[in-house]
N, C-alpha and C. Protein backbone atom coordinates (compact mmCIF):
# COMPACT_ATOMS: atom_id res chain seq x y z
N MET A 1 24.72 -2.38 -24.91
CA MET A 1 24.55 -3.57 -24.04
C MET A 1 23.20 -4.15 -24.55
N ALA A 2 23.07 -5.40 -24.54
CA ALA A 2 21.93 -6.21 -24.95
C ALA A 2 21.11 -6.31 -23.71
N ILE A 3 19.70 -6.21 -23.83
CA ILE A 3 18.89 -6.34 -22.79
C ILE A 3 18.45 -7.92 -22.46
N GLN A 4 18.52 -8.63 -23.42
CA GLN A 4 18.14 -10.04 -23.23
C GLN A 4 19.08 -10.68 -22.30
N PRO A 5 20.33 -10.63 -22.33
CA PRO A 5 21.32 -11.27 -21.27
C PRO A 5 21.09 -10.74 -19.91
N ILE A 6 20.86 -9.60 -19.88
CA ILE A 6 20.58 -8.86 -18.46
C ILE A 6 19.44 -9.38 -17.94
N ALA A 7 18.27 -9.26 -18.86
CA ALA A 7 16.91 -9.85 -18.46
C ALA A 7 17.04 -11.26 -17.85
N GLY A 8 17.80 -12.01 -18.57
CA GLY A 8 18.12 -13.43 -18.12
C GLY A 8 18.77 -13.57 -16.60
N LEU A 9 19.70 -12.68 -16.49
CA LEU A 9 20.31 -12.70 -15.28
C LEU A 9 19.44 -12.06 -13.98
N PHE A 10 18.47 -11.17 -14.44
CA PHE A 10 17.56 -10.71 -13.39
C PHE A 10 16.62 -11.75 -13.21
N ARG A 11 16.22 -12.53 -14.11
CA ARG A 11 15.39 -13.80 -13.86
C ARG A 11 15.92 -14.85 -12.99
N THR A 12 17.25 -15.00 -13.16
CA THR A 12 17.95 -15.92 -12.06
C THR A 12 18.06 -15.42 -10.82
N LEU A 13 18.32 -14.18 -10.60
CA LEU A 13 18.23 -13.53 -9.31
C LEU A 13 16.84 -13.39 -8.74
N ALA A 14 15.93 -13.15 -9.58
CA ALA A 14 14.56 -13.26 -9.07
C ALA A 14 14.28 -14.62 -8.53
N LEU A 15 14.73 -15.70 -9.16
CA LEU A 15 14.45 -17.11 -8.69
C LEU A 15 15.19 -17.20 -7.15
N VAL A 16 16.44 -16.60 -6.95
CA VAL A 16 17.05 -16.68 -5.77
C VAL A 16 16.36 -16.06 -4.78
N LEU A 17 15.77 -14.88 -5.12
CA LEU A 17 15.09 -14.08 -4.09
C LEU A 17 13.66 -14.60 -3.71
N SER A 18 13.15 -15.42 -4.85
CA SER A 18 11.79 -16.19 -4.44
C SER A 18 12.07 -17.18 -3.28
N GLY A 19 13.49 -17.84 -3.60
CA GLY A 19 13.65 -18.75 -2.33
C GLY A 19 13.70 -18.17 -1.06
N LEU A 20 14.26 -16.94 -1.00
CA LEU A 20 14.21 -16.31 0.28
C LEU A 20 12.78 -15.86 0.71
N LEU A 21 12.17 -15.56 -0.22
CA LEU A 21 10.60 -15.37 0.34
C LEU A 21 9.92 -16.43 0.70
N ALA A 22 10.23 -17.63 0.00
CA ALA A 22 9.60 -18.85 0.45
C ALA A 22 10.14 -19.39 1.80
N LEU A 23 11.35 -19.07 2.16
CA LEU A 23 11.91 -19.32 3.37
C LEU A 23 11.23 -18.54 4.62
N SER A 24 10.65 -17.29 4.09
CA SER A 24 10.26 -16.46 5.13
C SER A 24 9.04 -17.17 5.91
N SER A 25 9.18 -17.03 7.19
CA SER A 25 8.26 -17.88 8.06
C SER A 25 6.81 -17.37 7.86
N SER A 26 6.48 -16.18 7.36
CA SER A 26 5.18 -15.85 7.14
C SER A 26 4.76 -15.85 5.75
N TYR A 27 5.47 -16.39 4.89
CA TYR A 27 5.15 -16.39 3.50
C TYR A 27 3.71 -17.00 3.41
N CYS A 28 2.89 -16.60 2.55
CA CYS A 28 1.36 -16.95 2.51
C CYS A 28 1.07 -17.51 1.23
N GLY A 29 2.09 -17.43 0.16
CA GLY A 29 1.80 -18.12 -1.01
C GLY A 29 0.49 -17.88 -1.74
N VAL A 30 0.03 -16.61 -1.75
CA VAL A 30 -1.24 -16.26 -2.38
C VAL A 30 -1.02 -16.26 -4.06
N LEU A 31 -1.90 -16.87 -4.51
CA LEU A 31 -2.01 -16.91 -5.88
C LEU A 31 -2.73 -15.65 -6.54
N ALA A 32 -2.04 -15.37 -7.63
CA ALA A 32 -2.61 -14.25 -8.55
C ALA A 32 -4.17 -14.83 -9.22
N ALA A 33 -4.97 -13.63 -9.20
CA ALA A 33 -6.37 -13.85 -9.79
C ALA A 33 -6.12 -14.05 -11.24
N PRO A 34 -6.81 -15.02 -12.01
CA PRO A 34 -6.53 -15.07 -13.53
C PRO A 34 -7.16 -13.96 -14.15
N GLY A 35 -6.50 -13.57 -15.21
CA GLY A 35 -7.19 -12.59 -16.04
C GLY A 35 -6.98 -11.13 -15.66
N LYS A 36 -6.19 -10.88 -14.49
CA LYS A 36 -6.06 -9.48 -14.31
C LYS A 36 -4.56 -9.20 -14.60
N ASN A 37 -4.17 -8.01 -14.92
CA ASN A 37 -2.83 -7.50 -15.04
C ASN A 37 -2.51 -6.73 -13.64
N GLY A 38 -1.13 -6.81 -13.46
CA GLY A 38 -0.66 -6.14 -12.23
C GLY A 38 -0.76 -4.44 -12.78
N ARG A 39 -0.54 -3.66 -11.90
CA ARG A 39 -0.60 -2.30 -12.28
C ARG A 39 0.54 -1.43 -11.63
N ASP A 40 1.09 -0.53 -12.46
CA ASP A 40 2.30 0.22 -12.25
C ASP A 40 1.56 1.60 -11.75
N ARG A 41 2.08 2.01 -10.46
CA ARG A 41 1.63 3.49 -9.99
C ARG A 41 2.71 4.36 -10.10
N PRO A 42 2.94 5.04 -11.06
CA PRO A 42 3.92 6.23 -10.87
C PRO A 42 3.68 7.28 -9.78
N ALA A 43 4.66 7.71 -9.16
CA ALA A 43 4.21 8.56 -8.19
C ALA A 43 5.85 9.34 -7.81
N SER A 44 5.85 10.17 -6.78
CA SER A 44 7.00 10.96 -6.33
C SER A 44 6.83 11.00 -4.92
N PHE A 45 8.27 11.24 -4.32
CA PHE A 45 8.36 11.15 -2.95
C PHE A 45 9.35 12.30 -2.76
N THR A 46 9.13 13.02 -1.69
CA THR A 46 10.02 14.09 -1.10
C THR A 46 10.83 13.68 0.15
N PHE A 47 11.94 13.79 0.10
CA PHE A 47 12.80 13.63 1.15
C PHE A 47 13.76 14.80 1.31
N GLN A 48 13.65 15.42 2.49
CA GLN A 48 14.59 16.59 2.89
C GLN A 48 14.39 17.56 1.70
N GLY A 49 13.29 17.90 1.27
CA GLY A 49 12.91 18.93 0.23
C GLY A 49 13.38 18.52 -1.02
N VAL A 50 13.66 17.26 -1.40
CA VAL A 50 14.17 16.88 -2.88
C VAL A 50 12.98 15.88 -3.36
N GLU A 51 12.47 16.08 -4.55
CA GLU A 51 11.41 15.04 -4.93
C GLU A 51 12.22 14.12 -5.86
N TYR A 52 11.87 12.80 -5.59
CA TYR A 52 12.38 11.61 -6.13
C TYR A 52 11.22 10.78 -6.93
N PRO A 53 11.37 10.59 -8.25
CA PRO A 53 10.15 9.91 -8.91
C PRO A 53 10.38 8.46 -8.52
N ASN A 54 9.34 7.76 -8.51
CA ASN A 54 9.32 6.32 -8.28
C ASN A 54 8.09 5.57 -8.74
N VAL A 55 8.12 4.24 -8.86
CA VAL A 55 7.04 3.54 -9.41
C VAL A 55 6.97 2.42 -8.43
N VAL A 56 5.39 2.28 -8.16
CA VAL A 56 4.86 1.12 -7.34
C VAL A 56 4.32 0.03 -8.07
N ARG A 57 4.62 -1.21 -8.06
CA ARG A 57 4.07 -2.24 -8.95
C ARG A 57 3.28 -3.04 -8.07
N LEU A 58 1.74 -3.04 -8.23
CA LEU A 58 0.98 -4.09 -7.48
C LEU A 58 0.82 -5.29 -8.34
N PRO A 59 0.90 -6.40 -7.83
CA PRO A 59 0.91 -7.60 -8.58
C PRO A 59 -0.68 -7.90 -9.09
N SER A 60 -0.56 -8.69 -10.07
CA SER A 60 -2.05 -8.85 -10.67
C SER A 60 -2.70 -9.53 -9.72
N GLY A 61 -4.26 -9.23 -9.62
CA GLY A 61 -5.18 -9.93 -8.83
C GLY A 61 -5.10 -9.28 -7.31
N TYR A 62 -4.24 -8.57 -7.12
CA TYR A 62 -4.07 -7.93 -5.58
C TYR A 62 -5.03 -7.02 -5.26
N ASP A 63 -5.79 -7.24 -4.09
CA ASP A 63 -6.83 -6.14 -3.93
C ASP A 63 -6.68 -5.52 -2.46
N GLY A 64 -5.56 -5.66 -1.93
CA GLY A 64 -4.95 -4.98 -0.69
C GLY A 64 -5.62 -5.63 0.45
N SER A 65 -6.29 -6.70 0.70
CA SER A 65 -6.91 -7.22 1.74
C SER A 65 -6.01 -7.88 2.62
N HIS A 66 -4.95 -8.33 2.28
CA HIS A 66 -3.77 -9.03 3.10
C HIS A 66 -2.50 -8.31 2.73
N PRO A 67 -1.50 -8.56 3.82
CA PRO A 67 -0.06 -7.90 3.40
C PRO A 67 0.79 -8.85 2.47
N LEU A 68 1.46 -8.21 1.64
CA LEU A 68 2.25 -8.78 0.97
C LEU A 68 3.76 -8.31 1.07
N PRO A 69 4.73 -9.22 0.58
CA PRO A 69 6.25 -8.93 0.72
C PRO A 69 6.39 -7.76 -0.22
N ALA A 70 7.33 -6.91 -0.15
CA ALA A 70 7.82 -5.92 -1.06
C ALA A 70 9.31 -6.05 -1.21
N ILE A 71 9.68 -5.48 -2.56
CA ILE A 71 11.14 -5.59 -2.90
C ILE A 71 11.45 -4.19 -3.44
N LEU A 72 12.38 -3.46 -2.69
CA LEU A 72 12.95 -2.27 -2.94
C LEU A 72 13.95 -2.48 -4.07
N LEU A 73 13.61 -1.96 -5.39
CA LEU A 73 14.53 -2.08 -6.65
C LEU A 73 15.26 -0.89 -6.73
N LEU A 74 16.73 -1.10 -6.88
CA LEU A 74 17.63 0.11 -6.85
C LEU A 74 18.33 -0.18 -8.17
N HIS A 75 18.29 0.94 -9.28
CA HIS A 75 18.73 0.70 -10.58
C HIS A 75 20.19 1.10 -10.57
N GLY A 76 20.98 0.76 -11.64
CA GLY A 76 22.26 1.11 -11.82
C GLY A 76 22.34 2.56 -12.29
N ALA A 77 23.58 3.00 -12.43
CA ALA A 77 23.93 4.37 -12.84
C ALA A 77 23.15 4.75 -14.26
N HIS A 78 22.65 5.76 -14.36
CA HIS A 78 21.91 6.30 -15.60
C HIS A 78 20.70 5.48 -15.80
N GLY A 79 20.29 4.61 -14.81
CA GLY A 79 18.96 3.94 -14.98
C GLY A 79 17.73 4.70 -14.35
N LYS A 80 16.45 3.98 -14.43
CA LYS A 80 15.36 4.55 -14.05
C LYS A 80 14.52 3.41 -13.27
N GLY A 81 13.74 3.92 -12.28
CA GLY A 81 13.03 2.88 -11.52
C GLY A 81 12.13 2.02 -12.62
N GLN A 82 11.59 2.63 -13.60
CA GLN A 82 10.62 1.89 -14.39
C GLN A 82 11.41 0.67 -15.17
N ASP A 83 12.72 1.09 -15.26
CA ASP A 83 13.48 -0.04 -15.94
C ASP A 83 13.47 -1.38 -14.98
N MET A 84 13.52 -1.12 -13.79
CA MET A 84 13.73 -2.18 -12.86
C MET A 84 12.25 -2.90 -12.82
N ILE A 85 11.31 -2.02 -12.74
CA ILE A 85 9.87 -2.70 -12.70
C ILE A 85 9.49 -3.48 -13.79
N ASP A 86 10.00 -3.05 -15.08
CA ASP A 86 9.89 -3.84 -16.32
C ASP A 86 10.40 -5.13 -16.33
N LEU A 87 11.68 -5.17 -15.52
CA LEU A 87 12.44 -6.50 -15.58
C LEU A 87 11.78 -7.40 -14.63
N TRP A 88 11.14 -6.89 -13.51
CA TRP A 88 10.73 -7.66 -12.29
C TRP A 88 9.18 -7.96 -12.33
N LYS A 89 8.33 -7.31 -13.22
CA LYS A 89 6.90 -7.52 -13.18
C LYS A 89 6.47 -8.80 -13.11
N SER A 90 7.01 -9.70 -14.14
CA SER A 90 6.44 -10.87 -14.22
C SER A 90 6.65 -11.88 -12.86
N PHE A 91 7.94 -11.65 -12.23
CA PHE A 91 8.28 -12.27 -10.98
C PHE A 91 7.18 -11.71 -9.97
N ALA A 92 6.96 -10.41 -10.00
CA ALA A 92 5.84 -9.89 -8.95
C ALA A 92 4.50 -10.36 -8.99
N ASP A 93 4.13 -10.48 -10.38
CA ASP A 93 2.78 -11.26 -10.51
C ASP A 93 2.68 -12.70 -10.12
N SER A 94 3.72 -13.34 -10.60
CA SER A 94 3.55 -14.79 -10.18
C SER A 94 3.77 -15.08 -8.67
N HIS A 95 4.48 -14.16 -7.94
CA HIS A 95 4.91 -14.42 -6.40
C HIS A 95 4.15 -13.35 -5.53
N GLN A 96 3.26 -12.81 -6.21
CA GLN A 96 2.57 -11.88 -5.32
C GLN A 96 3.44 -11.00 -4.47
N VAL A 97 4.39 -10.02 -5.14
CA VAL A 97 5.16 -9.22 -4.48
C VAL A 97 4.88 -7.83 -4.96
N ILE A 98 4.86 -6.86 -4.07
CA ILE A 98 4.91 -5.58 -4.41
C ILE A 98 6.35 -4.91 -4.65
N LEU A 99 6.42 -4.12 -5.78
CA LEU A 99 7.61 -3.80 -6.11
C LEU A 99 7.74 -2.21 -6.08
N VAL A 100 8.97 -1.61 -5.56
CA VAL A 100 8.96 -0.29 -5.32
C VAL A 100 10.35 0.04 -5.99
N ALA A 101 10.27 1.13 -6.97
CA ALA A 101 11.58 1.31 -7.64
C ALA A 101 11.57 2.84 -8.06
N PRO A 102 12.47 3.61 -7.22
CA PRO A 102 12.86 4.98 -7.36
C PRO A 102 13.70 5.22 -8.40
N THR A 103 13.54 6.37 -8.83
CA THR A 103 14.78 6.98 -9.73
C THR A 103 15.59 7.86 -8.96
N LEU A 104 16.74 7.51 -8.77
CA LEU A 104 17.85 8.10 -7.92
C LEU A 104 18.98 8.69 -8.64
N PRO A 105 19.79 9.70 -8.12
CA PRO A 105 20.92 10.20 -8.76
C PRO A 105 22.18 9.47 -8.54
N LEU A 106 22.18 8.47 -7.58
CA LEU A 106 23.47 7.62 -7.16
C LEU A 106 24.71 8.10 -7.27
N ASP A 107 24.91 9.41 -6.59
CA ASP A 107 26.23 9.94 -6.61
C ASP A 107 26.64 10.10 -5.13
N ALA A 108 27.95 10.45 -5.03
CA ALA A 108 28.31 10.46 -3.49
C ALA A 108 27.54 11.32 -2.52
N GLU A 109 26.80 12.43 -2.92
CA GLU A 109 26.07 13.22 -2.05
C GLU A 109 24.86 12.41 -1.63
N PHE A 110 24.26 11.75 -2.71
CA PHE A 110 23.14 11.08 -2.48
C PHE A 110 23.28 9.92 -1.43
N GLU A 111 24.46 9.22 -1.52
CA GLU A 111 24.73 8.11 -0.59
C GLU A 111 24.69 8.44 0.87
N LYS A 112 25.00 9.89 1.30
CA LYS A 112 24.83 10.22 2.54
C LYS A 112 23.40 10.19 3.02
N LEU A 113 22.33 10.09 2.05
CA LEU A 113 20.86 10.13 2.74
C LEU A 113 20.57 8.62 2.78
N VAL A 114 21.25 7.71 2.30
CA VAL A 114 20.92 6.14 2.49
C VAL A 114 21.37 5.79 4.01
N PRO A 115 20.64 5.01 4.64
CA PRO A 115 19.43 4.34 4.30
C PRO A 115 18.11 5.32 4.70
N ARG A 116 18.22 6.25 5.45
CA ARG A 116 17.19 7.10 5.85
C ARG A 116 16.17 7.29 4.71
N LEU A 117 16.61 7.70 3.57
CA LEU A 117 15.66 7.81 2.48
C LEU A 117 15.00 6.72 2.26
N PHE A 118 15.56 5.59 2.14
CA PHE A 118 14.88 4.21 1.75
C PHE A 118 13.84 3.75 2.60
N LEU A 119 14.09 4.06 4.07
CA LEU A 119 13.25 3.92 5.12
C LEU A 119 11.92 4.73 4.88
N ALA A 120 12.21 6.03 4.86
CA ALA A 120 11.10 7.06 4.52
C ALA A 120 10.27 6.66 3.21
N LEU A 121 10.83 6.13 2.18
CA LEU A 121 10.25 5.73 1.02
C LEU A 121 9.28 4.55 1.23
N MET A 122 9.86 3.56 1.91
CA MET A 122 9.11 2.26 1.95
C MET A 122 8.02 2.43 3.02
N GLU A 123 8.15 3.47 3.97
CA GLU A 123 7.14 3.80 5.02
C GLU A 123 5.88 4.48 4.44
N SER A 124 6.43 5.39 3.39
CA SER A 124 5.37 6.12 2.58
C SER A 124 4.56 5.15 1.73
N VAL A 125 5.17 4.16 1.15
CA VAL A 125 4.38 3.23 0.46
C VAL A 125 3.61 2.43 1.13
N ARG A 126 4.28 1.98 2.38
CA ARG A 126 3.30 1.21 3.33
C ARG A 126 1.93 1.93 3.76
N GLN A 127 1.91 3.16 3.75
CA GLN A 127 0.92 3.81 4.11
C GLN A 127 -0.34 3.62 3.15
N LYS A 128 0.10 3.39 1.76
CA LYS A 128 -0.85 3.33 0.57
C LYS A 128 -1.08 1.89 0.30
N SER A 129 -0.12 0.89 0.71
CA SER A 129 -0.25 -0.57 0.22
C SER A 129 -0.01 -1.21 1.37
N ASN A 130 -0.57 -2.31 1.53
CA ASN A 130 -0.54 -3.41 2.59
C ASN A 130 0.63 -4.17 2.49
N ILE A 131 1.83 -3.73 2.94
CA ILE A 131 3.13 -4.44 2.92
C ILE A 131 3.29 -5.01 4.25
N ASP A 132 3.85 -6.37 4.22
CA ASP A 132 4.18 -7.03 5.51
C ASP A 132 5.43 -6.49 5.96
N PRO A 133 5.67 -5.71 7.13
CA PRO A 133 6.75 -5.02 7.46
C PRO A 133 7.92 -6.04 7.93
N LYS A 134 7.65 -7.33 8.19
CA LYS A 134 8.71 -8.34 8.11
C LYS A 134 9.25 -8.95 6.94
N ARG A 135 8.63 -8.52 5.77
CA ARG A 135 9.05 -9.13 4.40
C ARG A 135 9.32 -7.95 3.58
N ILE A 136 10.22 -7.01 3.94
CA ILE A 136 10.55 -5.90 3.03
C ILE A 136 12.02 -6.36 2.51
N TYR A 137 12.49 -6.31 1.34
CA TYR A 137 13.63 -6.78 0.82
C TYR A 137 14.20 -5.46 -0.09
N VAL A 138 15.49 -5.74 -0.26
CA VAL A 138 16.08 -4.78 -1.12
C VAL A 138 17.09 -5.35 -2.19
N PHE A 139 16.83 -5.00 -3.36
CA PHE A 139 17.73 -5.50 -4.54
C PHE A 139 18.39 -4.35 -5.29
N GLY A 140 19.74 -4.45 -5.46
CA GLY A 140 20.31 -3.47 -6.14
C GLY A 140 21.26 -4.02 -7.38
N TYR A 141 21.25 -3.21 -8.51
CA TYR A 141 22.01 -3.49 -9.62
C TYR A 141 23.02 -2.49 -9.79
N SER A 142 24.30 -2.91 -9.93
CA SER A 142 25.36 -2.05 -10.12
C SER A 142 25.59 -1.04 -9.18
N ALA A 143 25.49 0.32 -9.51
CA ALA A 143 25.60 1.46 -8.63
C ALA A 143 24.34 1.39 -7.64
N GLY A 144 23.28 0.72 -8.04
CA GLY A 144 22.28 0.65 -7.23
C GLY A 144 22.59 -0.55 -5.95
N GLY A 145 23.58 -1.43 -6.37
CA GLY A 145 23.91 -2.56 -5.78
C GLY A 145 24.77 -1.88 -4.26
N TYR A 146 25.64 -0.81 -4.76
CA TYR A 146 26.47 -0.28 -3.86
C TYR A 146 25.62 0.43 -2.79
N VAL A 147 24.46 1.24 -3.11
CA VAL A 147 23.71 1.66 -2.02
C VAL A 147 22.91 0.68 -1.33
N THR A 148 22.65 -0.61 -2.03
CA THR A 148 22.10 -1.64 -1.37
C THR A 148 22.77 -2.17 -0.06
N PHE A 149 24.24 -2.25 -0.23
CA PHE A 149 25.05 -2.63 0.75
C PHE A 149 24.71 -1.62 1.98
N ASP A 150 24.61 -0.35 1.75
CA ASP A 150 24.28 0.77 2.94
C ASP A 150 22.99 0.18 3.42
N ALA A 151 21.90 0.04 2.71
CA ALA A 151 20.73 -0.30 3.25
C ALA A 151 20.67 -1.61 4.23
N ALA A 152 21.54 -2.58 3.54
CA ALA A 152 21.74 -3.97 4.28
C ALA A 152 22.56 -3.75 5.74
N THR A 153 23.35 -2.90 5.70
CA THR A 153 24.31 -2.78 6.81
C THR A 153 23.72 -1.80 7.84
N LEU A 154 23.45 -0.54 7.22
CA LEU A 154 22.89 0.68 8.14
C LEU A 154 21.41 0.56 8.47
N ALA A 155 20.55 -0.27 7.81
CA ALA A 155 19.14 -0.56 8.26
C ALA A 155 18.86 -2.05 8.29
N SER A 156 19.96 -2.71 8.87
CA SER A 156 19.93 -4.14 8.95
C SER A 156 18.58 -4.70 9.69
N THR A 157 17.96 -3.92 10.47
CA THR A 157 16.84 -4.41 11.16
C THR A 157 15.61 -4.13 10.31
N TYR A 158 15.65 -3.60 9.48
CA TYR A 158 14.50 -2.85 8.78
C TYR A 158 14.25 -4.07 7.45
N PHE A 159 15.28 -4.26 6.65
CA PHE A 159 15.24 -5.10 5.54
C PHE A 159 15.37 -6.39 5.96
N ALA A 160 14.45 -7.46 5.44
CA ALA A 160 14.59 -8.71 6.00
C ALA A 160 15.81 -9.45 5.02
N ALA A 161 16.09 -9.02 3.83
CA ALA A 161 17.14 -9.49 3.20
C ALA A 161 17.57 -8.56 2.11
N ALA A 162 18.86 -8.90 1.59
CA ALA A 162 19.24 -8.01 0.38
C ALA A 162 19.87 -8.75 -0.68
N ALA A 163 19.95 -8.31 -1.87
CA ALA A 163 20.53 -9.15 -2.90
C ALA A 163 21.13 -7.94 -3.74
N VAL A 164 22.35 -8.28 -4.25
CA VAL A 164 23.22 -7.42 -5.02
C VAL A 164 23.56 -8.13 -6.31
N PHE A 165 23.69 -7.27 -7.50
CA PHE A 165 23.93 -7.93 -8.79
C PHE A 165 25.00 -6.99 -9.36
N ALA A 166 26.05 -7.39 -9.71
CA ALA A 166 27.06 -6.64 -10.51
C ALA A 166 27.79 -5.53 -9.67
N ASP A 167 28.15 -5.87 -8.42
CA ASP A 167 28.78 -4.75 -7.58
C ASP A 167 29.61 -5.52 -6.62
N ILE A 168 30.57 -4.90 -6.14
CA ILE A 168 31.53 -5.57 -5.01
C ILE A 168 31.57 -4.54 -3.90
N ILE A 169 32.07 -4.87 -2.71
CA ILE A 169 32.32 -4.02 -1.72
C ILE A 169 33.78 -3.75 -1.54
N ALA A 170 34.17 -2.55 -1.77
CA ALA A 170 35.55 -2.14 -1.69
C ALA A 170 36.18 -1.99 -0.46
N PRO A 171 37.38 -2.15 -0.36
CA PRO A 171 37.90 -2.20 1.09
C PRO A 171 37.76 -1.10 2.08
N GLU A 172 37.51 0.18 1.58
CA GLU A 172 37.31 1.28 2.35
C GLU A 172 35.81 1.31 2.80
N TYR A 173 35.01 0.24 2.35
CA TYR A 173 33.67 0.12 2.88
C TYR A 173 33.68 -0.72 3.97
N TYR A 174 34.67 -1.58 4.36
CA TYR A 174 34.58 -2.73 5.34
C TYR A 174 34.06 -2.04 6.83
N PRO A 175 34.48 -0.79 7.11
CA PRO A 175 34.12 -0.31 8.54
C PRO A 175 32.69 -0.11 8.49
N ILE A 176 32.00 0.15 7.62
CA ILE A 176 30.43 0.29 7.44
C ILE A 176 29.73 -1.02 7.87
N ILE A 177 30.49 -2.09 7.21
CA ILE A 177 29.78 -3.34 7.37
C ILE A 177 29.67 -3.77 8.94
N GLN A 178 30.71 -3.35 9.68
CA GLN A 178 30.92 -3.56 11.10
C GLN A 178 29.61 -2.75 11.86
N GLN A 179 29.02 -1.75 11.19
CA GLN A 179 28.02 -1.05 11.97
C GLN A 179 26.70 -1.85 12.02
N ALA A 180 26.62 -2.79 11.13
CA ALA A 180 25.25 -3.57 11.05
C ALA A 180 24.97 -4.06 12.39
N GLN A 181 23.56 -3.99 12.60
CA GLN A 181 23.08 -4.46 13.97
C GLN A 181 22.86 -5.96 14.09
N ARG A 182 22.64 -6.51 12.61
CA ARG A 182 22.58 -7.84 12.51
C ARG A 182 22.99 -8.37 11.05
N LYS A 183 23.20 -9.46 10.93
CA LYS A 183 23.79 -9.92 9.58
C LYS A 183 22.46 -10.05 8.68
N THR A 184 22.43 -9.20 7.58
CA THR A 184 21.33 -9.52 6.78
C THR A 184 21.61 -10.31 5.78
N PRO A 185 20.64 -11.31 5.62
CA PRO A 185 20.81 -12.34 4.59
C PRO A 185 20.82 -11.69 3.20
């Protein structure tokens, strides 16, 4: 599978998500400071006794003095969090967005933990980074898109918006959609 076409599609989706960020009523439009590179912070997160590696990307020029939006990036099957960070880092730097990308097993047993695991992960990152709690988004690619549907429906009051690429909602999933407390954009 060629990376270039996929990267182009991710850039298109990034533009769509930037539109959502711009529509957010508290979007502050902070510009990146020139000459500074963003920084990736490899970390791990323990949930119910299992450790999950993740990467947090702070945008270039960010000093933590003001809250920024954050995007939880969920990779496809056999992917890694760093793969998602690499595709989104330019977007994060230009739009001043914090990226959070865990590496997850994405199997049926794991799905039972969603969205509690995502909420706990994002709250742990919020303790170390100044994230605006009203501007936390989730994006999923392929199998990551499947659990993004879980986050968007079962944690609909936590995530401001959700975006999915290369996944569908199977008919047996329809009852879960009815559990959403609000319609997640």
